[in-house]
C-alpha atoms as a PDB file:
ATOM      1  CA  MET A   1      19.401   4.374   2.364  1.00  0.00           C
ATOM      2  CA  GLU A   2      19.033   1.504   4.855  1.00  0.00           C
ATOM      3  CA  MET A   3      16.876  -1.521   4.276  1.00  0.00           C
ATOM      4  CA  VAL A   4      14.111  -2.008   6.836  1.00  0.00           C
ATOM      5  CA  GLU A   5      14.622  -4.913   9.205  1.00  0.00           C
ATOM      6  CA  GLU A   6      10.899  -5.435   9.845  1.00  0.00           C
ATOM      7  CA  ASN A   7       8.790  -7.881   7.853  1.00  0.00           C
ATOM      8  CA  LEU A   8       6.847  -6.368   4.975  1.00  0.00           C
ATOM      9  CA  ASN A   9       3.574  -8.296   5.000  1.00  0.00           C
ATOM     10  CA  ARG A  10       0.341  -8.151   3.062  1.00  0.00           C
ATOM     11  CA  PHE A  11      -2.215  -5.694   4.479  1.00  0.00           C
ATOM     12  CA  ASP A  12       0.456  -3.702   6.370  1.00  0.00           C
ATOM     13  CA  VAL A  13       0.443   0.081   5.944  1.00  0.00           C
ATOM     14  CA  TRP A  14       3.804   1.783   5.466  1.00  0.00           C
ATOM     15  CA  LEU A  15       5.216   5.219   4.889  1.00  0.00           C
ATOM     16  CA  VAL A  16       6.937   4.779   1.531  1.00  0.00           C
ATOM     17  CA  LEU A  17       9.301   6.756  -0.692  1.00  0.00           C
ATOM     18  CA  LYS A  18       7.344   6.720  -3.968  1.00  0.00           C
ATOM     19  CA  ASN A  19      10.206   7.969  -6.137  1.00  0.00           C
ATOM     20  CA  PRO A  20      13.653   7.316  -4.627  1.00  0.00           C
ATOM     21  CA  ASP A  21      15.340   9.513  -7.256  1.00  0.00           C
ATOM     22  CA  LYS A  22      13.738  12.602  -5.679  1.00  0.00           C
ATOM     23  CA  GLY A  23      15.046  11.948  -2.146  1.00  0.00           C
ATOM     24  CA  ARG A  24      13.082  12.317   1.078  1.00  0.00           C
ATOM     25  CA  VAL A  25      10.946  15.319   0.183  1.00  0.00           C
ATOM     26  CA  VAL A  26       7.463  15.540   1.697  1.00  0.00           C
ATOM     27  CA  GLU A  27       5.642  15.209  -1.650  1.00  0.00           C
ATOM     28  CA  ASN A  28       7.562  12.007  -2.269  1.00  0.00           C
ATOM     29  CA  LEU A  29       6.424  10.250   0.922  1.00  0.00           C
ATOM     30  CA  GLY A  30       3.074   8.528   1.116  1.00  0.00           C
ATOM     31  CA  LEU A  31       1.025   5.890   2.863  1.00  0.00           C
ATOM     32  CA  CYS A  32       0.773   2.624   1.007  1.00  0.00           C
ATOM     33  CA  ALA A  33      -0.905  -0.692   1.765  1.00  0.00           C
ATOM     34  CA  ILE A  34       1.035  -3.805   0.796  1.00  0.00           C
ATOM     35  CA  ILE A  35      -1.118  -5.922  -1.520  1.00  0.00           C
ATOM     36  CA  SER A  36       1.366  -8.530  -2.771  1.00  0.00           C
ATOM     37  CA  PRO A  37       0.929 -12.016  -1.259  1.00  0.00           C
ATOM     38  CA  ASP A  38       3.304 -12.994   1.548  1.00  0.00           C
ATOM     39  CA  GLU A  39       4.436 -15.952  -0.588  1.00  0.00           C
ATOM     40  CA  LEU A  40       6.411 -13.400  -2.648  1.00  0.00           C
ATOM     41  CA  ASN A  41       8.292 -12.005   0.371  1.00  0.00           C
ATOM     42  CA  THR A  42      11.619 -13.420  -0.850  1.00  0.00           C
ATOM     43  CA  LEU A  43      11.548 -10.961  -3.771  1.00  0.00           C
ATOM     44  CA  PRO A  44      13.334  -7.587  -3.389  1.00  0.00           C
ATOM     45  CA  ASN A  45      10.121  -5.578  -3.845  1.00  0.00           C
ATOM     46  CA  ARG A  46       6.443  -5.423  -2.930  1.00  0.00           C
ATOM     47  CA  ILE A  47       3.270  -4.517  -4.786  1.00  0.00           C
ATOM     48  CA  VAL A  48       1.569  -1.640  -2.995  1.00  0.00           C
ATOM     49  CA  ALA A  49      -1.486   0.554  -3.392  1.00  0.00           C
ATOM     50  CA  PRO A  50      -1.269   4.185  -2.279  1.00  0.00           C
ATOM     51  CA  MET A  51      -3.792   5.456   0.250  1.00  0.00           C
ATOM     52  CA  THR A  52      -5.635   8.769   0.241  1.00  0.00           C
ATOM     53  CA  THR A  53      -8.275  10.611   2.228  1.00  0.00           C
ATOM     54  CA  GLU A  54      -9.801  12.156  -0.908  1.00  0.00           C
ATOM     55  CA  CYS A  55     -12.845  10.398  -2.291  1.00  0.00           C
ATOM     56  CA  GLU A  56     -13.472   9.599  -5.933  1.00  0.00           C
ATOM     57  CA  LYS A  57     -16.371   7.341  -6.829  1.00  0.00           C
ATOM     58  CA  LEU A  58     -14.367   4.609  -8.535  1.00  0.00           C
ATOM     59  CA  PRO A  59     -14.888   0.866  -8.128  1.00  0.00           C
ATOM     60  CA  SER A  60     -11.118   0.480  -7.722  1.00  0.00           C
ATOM     61  CA  ARG A  61     -11.084   2.554  -4.490  1.00  0.00           C
ATOM     62  CA  ILE A  62     -11.518   0.543  -1.302  1.00  0.00           C
ATOM     63  CA  GLU A  63     -12.884   2.480   1.656  1.00  0.00           C
ATOM     64  CA  CYS A  64     -11.068   1.924   4.935  1.00  0.00           C
ATOM     65  CA  ASN A  65     -10.425   3.459   8.324  1.00  0.00           C
ATOM     66  CA  PHE A  66      -6.808   3.899   9.315  1.00  0.00           C
ATOM     67  CA  ASP A  67      -5.349   5.873  12.189  1.00  0.00           C
ATOM     68  CA  ASN A  68      -8.804   7.235  13.096  1.00  0.00           C
ATOM     69  CA  SER A  69      -9.299   8.639   9.589  1.00  0.00           C
ATOM     70  CA  LYS A  70     -11.576   7.563   6.755  1.00  0.00           C
ATOM     71  CA  GLY A  71      -9.573   6.884   3.650  1.00  0.00           C
ATOM     72  CA  TYR A  72      -9.310   4.914   0.442  1.00  0.00           C
ATOM     73  CA  ILE A  73      -6.900   2.351  -0.954  1.00  0.00           C
ATOM     74  CA  MET A  74      -6.295   3.247  -4.607  1.00  0.00           C
ATOM     75  CA  LEU A  75      -5.960  -0.029  -6.495  1.00  0.00           C
ATOM     76  CA  ASP A  76      -5.971   1.893  -9.786  1.00  0.00           C
ATOM     77  CA  GLN A  77      -2.645   3.438  -8.680  1.00  0.00           C
ATOM     78  CA  MET A  78      -0.852   0.252  -7.568  1.00  0.00           C
ATOM     79  CA  ARG A  79       2.869   0.011  -8.176  1.00  0.00           C
ATOM     80  CA  VAL A  80       5.949  -2.059  -7.367  1.00  0.00           C
ATOM     81  CA  ILE A  81       8.201  -0.598  -4.682  1.00  0.00           C
ATOM     82  CA  ASP A  82      11.696  -1.776  -3.752  1.00  0.00           C
ATOM     83  CA  LYS A  83      12.192  -2.836  -0.123  1.00  0.00           C
ATOM     84  CA  LEU A  84      14.680   0.022   0.269  1.00  0.00           C
ATOM     85  CA  CYS A  85      11.850   2.543  -0.162  1.00  0.00           C
ATOM     86  CA  PHE A  86       9.867   1.423   2.883  1.00  0.00           C
ATOM     87  CA  VAL A  87      10.485   4.026   5.581  1.00  0.00           C
ATOM     88  CA  LYS A  88       8.281   3.145   8.558  1.00  0.00           C
ATOM     89  CA  LYS A  89       5.503   0.683   9.366  1.00  0.00           C
ATOM     90  CA  LEU A  90       2.425   2.572  10.551  1.00  0.00           C
ATOM     91  CA  GLY A  91       0.081  -0.354  11.227  1.00  0.00           C
ATOM     92  CA  SER A  92      -2.183  -2.803   9.450  1.00  0.00           C
ATOM     93  CA  LEU A  93      -5.505  -2.660   7.650  1.00  0.00           C
ATOM     94  CA  GLU A  94      -8.644  -3.740   9.514  1.00  0.00           C
ATOM     95  CA  LEU A  95      -9.676  -7.367   8.971  1.00  0.00           C
ATOM     96  CA  ALA A  96     -12.929  -6.294   7.322  1.00  0.00           C
ATOM     97  CA  VAL A  97     -10.927  -4.539   4.591  1.00  0.00           C
ATOM     98  CA  HIS A  98      -8.866  -7.643   3.676  1.00  0.00           C
ATOM     99  CA  ALA A  99     -11.732  -9.418   1.903  1.00  0.00           C
ATOM    100  CA  LYS A 100     -12.938  -6.246   0.150  1.00  0.00           C
ATOM    101  CA  LEU A 101      -9.430  -5.565  -1.124  1.00  0.00           C
ATOM    102  CA  CYS A 102      -8.903  -9.135  -2.379  1.00  0.00           C
ATOM    103  CA  ASP A 103     -12.338  -9.213  -4.037  1.00  0.00           C
ATOM    104  CA  CYS A 104     -11.631  -5.926  -5.791  1.00  0.00           C
ATOM    105  CA  LEU A 105      -8.210  -7.131  -6.993  1.00  0.00           C
ATOM    106  CA  GLN A 106      -9.761 -10.305  -8.347  1.00  0.00           C
ATOM    107  CA  GLU A 107     -12.421  -8.335 -10.195  1.00  0.00           C
ATOM    108  CA  PHE A 108      -9.865  -5.761 -11.370  1.00  0.00           C
ATOM    109  CA  PHE A 109      -7.726  -8.407 -13.104  1.00  0.00           C
ATOM    110  CA  ALA A 110     -10.634 -10.490 -14.413  1.00  0.00           C
ATOM    111  CA  LEU A 111     -11.523  -7.807 -16.939  1.00  0.00           C
END
């Protein structure tokens, strides 16, 4: 698998291989928002939160609009992903979502 040449920055949305041991099967690919700070970009991995279009009323789900679809960033499902698992950059989160996401992360870890 090739390493992506593009920068992997906070608030970017990527198509990601969630489990590299299973290969490039459809169930293994998913949209993820990068939530790790850019100051950690020298590390070989990123902290991401998967995205979904299915709604569950949880305080750890951040509502967002991406690619003309309403969806949710699932902070309760965050994980660390190796740079090699990033397949394709699909865009970035809206500016209005940045503050909501950071506020939720801060609250999430203050417990």
